Protein backbone atom coordinates (compact mmCIF):
# COMPACT_ATOMS: atom_id res chain seq x y z
CA MET A 1 91.57 -86.45 -105.83
CA PRO A 2 88.60 -88.86 -105.79
CA ALA A 3 89.39 -92.49 -104.84
CA GLU A 4 88.64 -93.80 -108.33
CA GLN A 5 91.34 -91.52 -109.76
CA GLU A 6 94.13 -92.38 -107.32
CA PRO A 7 97.18 -94.01 -108.93
CA ASP A 8 97.67 -97.77 -108.59
CA VAL A 9 101.44 -97.45 -108.54
CA ILE A 10 103.76 -94.77 -107.25
CA VAL A 11 107.29 -94.75 -108.64
CA VAL A 12 110.11 -93.33 -106.54
CA LEU A 13 113.41 -92.73 -108.29
CA VAL A 14 116.36 -93.27 -105.98
CA ASP A 15 120.04 -92.83 -106.75
CA PRO A 16 121.63 -96.30 -106.22
CA GLN A 17 124.82 -94.59 -105.06
CA ASP A 18 122.93 -92.88 -102.21
CA SER A 19 124.00 -94.85 -99.14
CA SER A 20 121.09 -93.47 -97.10
CA ALA A 21 118.67 -95.07 -99.58
CA VAL A 22 120.46 -98.40 -99.20
CA GLN A 23 120.43 -98.13 -95.40
CA ALA A 24 116.74 -97.22 -95.44
CA GLY A 25 116.05 -100.41 -97.37
CA LEU A 26 114.77 -98.62 -100.47
CA ILE A 27 117.23 -100.51 -102.63
CA GLN A 28 117.13 -104.24 -101.99
CA GLU A 29 118.82 -105.59 -105.10
CA SER A 30 122.34 -105.35 -106.54
CA THR A 31 123.69 -104.12 -103.20
CA TRP A 32 125.91 -106.19 -100.90
CA ARG A 33 124.17 -106.74 -97.55
CA ASN A 34 125.27 -108.36 -94.30
CA SER A 35 123.72 -111.76 -93.69
CA ASP A 36 122.62 -113.16 -90.34
CA SER A 37 125.85 -115.20 -90.31
CA SER A 38 128.90 -113.34 -89.04
CA GLY A 39 131.37 -112.39 -91.77
CA TRP A 40 129.08 -113.44 -94.66
CA ILE A 41 127.47 -111.08 -97.15
CA TYR A 42 125.12 -111.49 -100.10
CA LYS A 43 123.57 -109.51 -102.91
CA ILE A 44 120.50 -110.19 -104.97
CA ASP A 45 120.47 -109.15 -108.60
CA PRO A 46 117.15 -108.72 -110.41
CA ALA A 47 116.02 -110.77 -113.37
CA ARG A 48 116.93 -109.32 -116.75
CA PRO A 49 114.67 -111.06 -119.26
CA GLU A 50 116.18 -109.16 -122.18
CA ILE A 51 119.41 -111.14 -121.70
CA HIS A 52 117.73 -114.31 -120.37
CA GLN A 53 119.10 -113.76 -116.86
CA GLN A 54 117.17 -114.95 -113.83
CA ARG A 55 116.98 -113.25 -110.47
CA HIS A 56 120.00 -114.56 -108.55
CA VAL A 57 121.94 -114.26 -105.33
CA ALA A 58 125.72 -114.12 -104.80
CA VAL A 59 127.17 -115.16 -101.42
CA CYS A 60 130.69 -114.82 -100.01
CA LEU A 61 132.75 -113.90 -97.00
CA LYS A 62 132.99 -110.12 -96.66
CA LYS A 63 136.76 -110.22 -97.20
CA HIS A 64 136.15 -111.80 -100.65
CA GLN A 65 133.56 -109.31 -101.88
CA ALA A 66 135.82 -108.13 -104.72
CA SER A 67 136.94 -111.66 -105.71
CA LYS A 68 134.31 -113.18 -107.99
CA ASN A 69 136.08 -116.55 -107.90
CA GLN A 70 135.59 -116.65 -104.10
CA GLN A 71 131.80 -116.38 -104.41
CA ALA A 72 128.95 -118.76 -105.09
CA SER A 73 125.78 -117.65 -106.81
CA TRP A 74 122.48 -119.32 -107.55
CA ASN A 75 119.50 -118.46 -109.76
CA ALA A 76 115.93 -118.36 -108.47
CA ASP A 77 115.37 -121.85 -109.97
CA GLN A 78 118.21 -123.21 -107.74
CA SER A 79 120.68 -123.65 -110.63
CA ARG A 80 124.19 -122.22 -110.40
CA HIS A 81 124.73 -118.72 -111.73
CA ASP A 82 128.14 -117.58 -113.01
CA ARG A 83 129.21 -121.16 -113.68
CA GLY A 84 132.70 -120.12 -114.74
CA THR A 85 133.52 -118.44 -111.44
CA PHE A 86 131.36 -120.45 -109.02
CA SER A 87 133.52 -121.34 -106.00
CA THR A 88 132.96 -124.97 -104.98
CA LYS A 89 134.58 -124.19 -101.63
CA VAL A 90 131.97 -121.52 -100.90
CA GLY A 91 129.08 -123.25 -102.65
CA SER A 92 129.47 -126.49 -100.73
CA GLN A 93 129.25 -124.76 -97.33
CA SER A 94 125.88 -125.11 -95.62
CA VAL A 95 126.06 -121.53 -94.30
CA ALA A 96 126.38 -120.13 -97.85
CA GLN A 97 123.51 -122.29 -99.07
CA ALA A 98 121.31 -121.22 -96.14
CA ILE A 99 122.01 -117.55 -96.87
CA ALA A 100 121.17 -118.06 -100.55
CA ARG A 101 117.95 -119.93 -99.80
CA LYS A 102 116.79 -117.24 -97.37
CA ALA A 103 117.68 -114.40 -99.76
CA LEU A 104 115.77 -116.06 -102.61
CA GLY A 105 112.82 -116.90 -100.36
CA LEU A 106 113.31 -120.67 -100.72
CA GLY A 107 112.53 -123.24 -98.05
CA PRO A 108 115.29 -124.83 -95.96
CA ASP A 109 114.80 -128.21 -97.68
CA VAL A 110 115.39 -126.84 -101.20
CA VAL A 111 118.49 -128.34 -102.82
CA LEU A 112 120.76 -125.82 -104.53
CA GLU A 113 122.83 -127.00 -107.47
CA ASP A 114 126.54 -127.29 -106.73
CA LEU A 115 129.61 -128.57 -108.51
CA GLU A 116 130.19 -131.41 -106.05
CA ALA A 117 126.70 -132.76 -106.68
CA ASP A 118 127.39 -132.60 -110.41
CA CYS A 119 130.57 -134.66 -109.96
CA LYS A 120 128.86 -137.25 -107.73
CA THR A 121 125.92 -137.66 -110.06
CA GLY A 122 127.75 -137.48 -113.38
CA LEU A 123 127.50 -141.21 -114.00
CA GLN A 124 123.97 -141.36 -112.60
CA THR A 125 122.95 -138.51 -114.91
CA LYS A 126 124.43 -140.30 -117.93
CA LEU A 127 122.67 -143.54 -117.04
CA LEU A 128 119.39 -141.76 -116.40
CA MET A 129 119.55 -139.91 -119.71
CA GLU A 130 120.46 -143.05 -121.64
CA SER A 131 117.70 -145.09 -120.03
CA ALA A 132 115.04 -142.39 -119.94
CA ARG A 133 112.02 -142.75 -122.15
CA PRO A 134 112.31 -140.50 -125.23
CA SER A 135 109.25 -138.48 -124.16
CA LEU A 136 111.01 -137.16 -121.03
CA ASP A 137 111.72 -133.46 -121.29
CA THR A 138 114.85 -131.82 -119.91
CA ASP A 139 113.08 -130.49 -116.81
CA GLU A 140 111.91 -134.00 -115.84
CA VAL A 141 115.42 -135.40 -116.27
CA LEU A 142 117.00 -132.56 -114.28
CA GLY A 143 114.38 -132.96 -111.56
CA ALA A 144 115.21 -136.64 -111.26
CA VAL A 145 118.94 -135.89 -111.16
CA MET A 146 118.40 -133.38 -108.34
CA LEU A 147 116.50 -136.03 -106.39
CA ILE A 148 119.37 -138.48 -106.90
CA ALA A 149 121.86 -135.81 -105.76
CA LYS A 150 119.81 -135.11 -102.66
CA ARG A 151 119.77 -138.79 -101.71
CA ALA A 152 123.50 -139.32 -102.42
């Protein structure tokens, strides 16, 4: 086949239940993987725009893989994912946050949203929102709150 007719993309269909495909690294998302930290695992789930879901990572101790309320998960924009089952005990641990940052390709200085930060900054958030100029959009306010949380 001449070079100008070669395909730009090659699609390989792989059965997600095929453990050899997972071990070969062909499937990177939606599969629990061992982290660099002993006993900790994580999985990355892809974005699903049709349901307004961002790419996100779930982190937990291997023994809690089946217990959603013993996991912490964050979206690619550093916000919490699965807010109803987010474990503050897991989410506040630096090892879990480091695993999540690495899995999402974020720098080590990136602040991930956690419930404790929300509690600490609740009053600061209220004051900021009440005193903010009306032209501030939500992203600017949330950015400022994250900076306050980081300094707290």
